[in-house]
Amino acid sequence: MKEYAKGFYKSITWQRTREAYASSKRYLCERCLAKGIQRYGDTVHHKTFITPNNISDPDITLNWDNLQLLCRDCHAAIHRGKKRYKADKDGRIKIYG
């Protein structure tokens, strides 16, 4: 979790929104379900990614039209290519983002 987003993701408002949204989708991954596969969804994903510039905008952070319930594999597929770490010249892993 990015530092600027910690307060939001720990807020009661987000926790309630996340739970209500997941429940409305019967806890099933929306991408898998579209393929006829019933798989447990454990991540409520923001289609428009949260940034420091929009974290205070409820139309981005809390709007159900911007949410999607995903399983771990589908969520990872969305973020694949957006590495959150890299190795420095000595081979040490540096986490960023």
Protein backbone atom coordinates (compact mmCIF):
# COMPACT_ATOMS: atom_id res chain seq x y z
CA MET A 1 0.00 0.00 0.00
CA LYS A 2 1.35 3.39 -0.94
CA GLU A 3 2.08 5.74 1.94
CA TYR A 4 -0.32 8.47 0.77
CA ALA A 5 -3.19 5.95 0.57
CA LYS A 6 -2.85 4.30 3.99
CA GLY A 7 -5.33 6.59 5.72
CA PHE A 8 -7.93 6.04 3.02
CA TYR A 9 -7.62 2.24 2.92
CA LYS A 10 -7.79 2.02 6.72
CA SER A 11 -10.84 4.31 6.93
CA ILE A 12 -14.20 2.97 8.07
CA THR A 13 -15.77 4.56 4.98
CA TRP A 14 -13.58 2.51 2.61
CA GLN A 15 -13.93 -0.67 4.66
CA ARG A 16 -17.72 -0.40 4.55
CA THR A 17 -17.75 0.48 0.86
CA ARG A 18 -15.40 -2.41 0.04
CA GLU A 19 -17.49 -4.91 2.01
CA ALA A 20 -20.80 -3.71 0.57
CA TYR A 21 -19.44 -3.84 -2.97
CA ALA A 22 -17.94 -7.32 -2.56
CA SER A 23 -21.18 -8.57 -1.02
CA SER A 24 -23.19 -7.14 -3.92
CA LYS A 25 -21.04 -9.23 -6.28
CA ARG A 26 -21.54 -12.33 -4.11
CA TYR A 27 -17.77 -12.35 -3.49
CA LEU A 28 -17.14 -13.59 -7.04
CA CYS A 29 -14.40 -12.24 -9.30
CA GLU A 30 -16.09 -10.15 -11.98
CA ARG A 31 -13.52 -10.93 -14.69
CA CYS A 32 -13.66 -14.67 -14.09
CA LEU A 33 -17.45 -14.62 -13.92
CA ALA A 34 -17.54 -12.91 -17.34
CA LYS A 35 -15.69 -16.00 -18.65
CA GLY A 36 -18.16 -18.37 -16.97
CA ILE A 37 -15.80 -19.21 -14.09
CA GLN A 38 -16.89 -18.87 -10.47
CA ARG A 39 -13.88 -17.81 -8.44
CA TYR A 40 -13.63 -16.03 -5.10
CA GLY A 41 -12.88 -12.33 -5.42
CA ASP A 42 -10.77 -10.88 -2.62
CA THR A 43 -9.70 -7.48 -3.95
CA VAL A 44 -11.92 -4.48 -4.67
CA HIS A 45 -9.95 -2.79 -7.43
CA HIS A 46 -10.20 0.85 -8.53
CA LYS A 47 -10.50 0.94 -12.34
CA THR A 48 -9.14 4.49 -12.31
CA PHE A 49 -6.07 4.06 -10.14
CA ILE A 50 -5.86 6.10 -6.97
CA THR A 51 -3.18 8.79 -7.01
CA PRO A 52 -2.17 11.55 -4.60
CA ASN A 53 -4.18 13.93 -6.82
CA ASN A 54 -7.49 12.04 -6.67
CA ILE A 55 -7.41 10.25 -3.30
CA SER A 56 -9.78 12.85 -1.83
CA ASP A 57 -12.28 12.56 -4.68
CA PRO A 58 -15.14 10.23 -3.67
CA ASP A 59 -16.16 9.95 -7.35
CA ILE A 60 -12.90 8.04 -7.81
CA THR A 61 -12.40 6.34 -4.45
CA LEU A 62 -15.95 5.37 -3.41
CA ASN A 63 -18.00 5.35 -6.61
CA TRP A 64 -19.16 1.81 -7.38
CA ASP A 65 -18.84 2.55 -11.11
CA ASN A 66 -15.08 2.77 -10.53
CA LEU A 67 -14.85 -0.49 -8.57
CA GLN A 68 -14.37 -4.08 -9.67
CA LEU A 69 -14.12 -7.20 -7.51
CA LEU A 70 -11.21 -9.38 -8.60
CA CYS A 71 -9.40 -12.55 -7.59
CA ARG A 72 -5.68 -12.34 -6.90
CA ASP A 73 -4.73 -13.59 -10.36
CA CYS A 74 -6.91 -11.08 -12.20
CA HIS A 75 -5.73 -8.23 -9.98
CA ALA A 76 -2.11 -9.20 -10.55
CA ALA A 77 -2.73 -9.34 -14.32
CA ILE A 78 -3.97 -5.75 -14.28
CA HIS A 79 -0.90 -4.55 -12.42
CA ARG A 80 1.59 -6.73 -14.30
CA GLY A 81 4.08 -4.51 -16.03
CA LYS A 82 3.70 -1.87 -13.33
CA LYS A 83 6.61 -3.12 -11.27
CA ARG A 84 6.74 -1.79 -7.74
CA TYR A 85 10.31 -2.84 -7.18
CA LYS A 86 13.64 -2.93 -8.96
CA ALA A 87 17.15 -4.11 -8.29
CA ASP A 88 19.91 -1.56 -7.81
CA LYS A 89 23.38 -1.97 -9.34
CA ASP A 90 24.41 -4.22 -6.41
CA GLY A 91 21.38 -6.51 -6.83
CA ARG A 92 19.51 -5.20 -3.78
CA ILE A 93 15.74 -4.91 -4.19
CA LYS A 94 14.35 -1.41 -3.86
CA ILE A 95 10.60 -1.03 -3.41
CA TYR A 96 8.91 2.08 -4.77
CA GLY A 97 5.44 3.35 -5.61
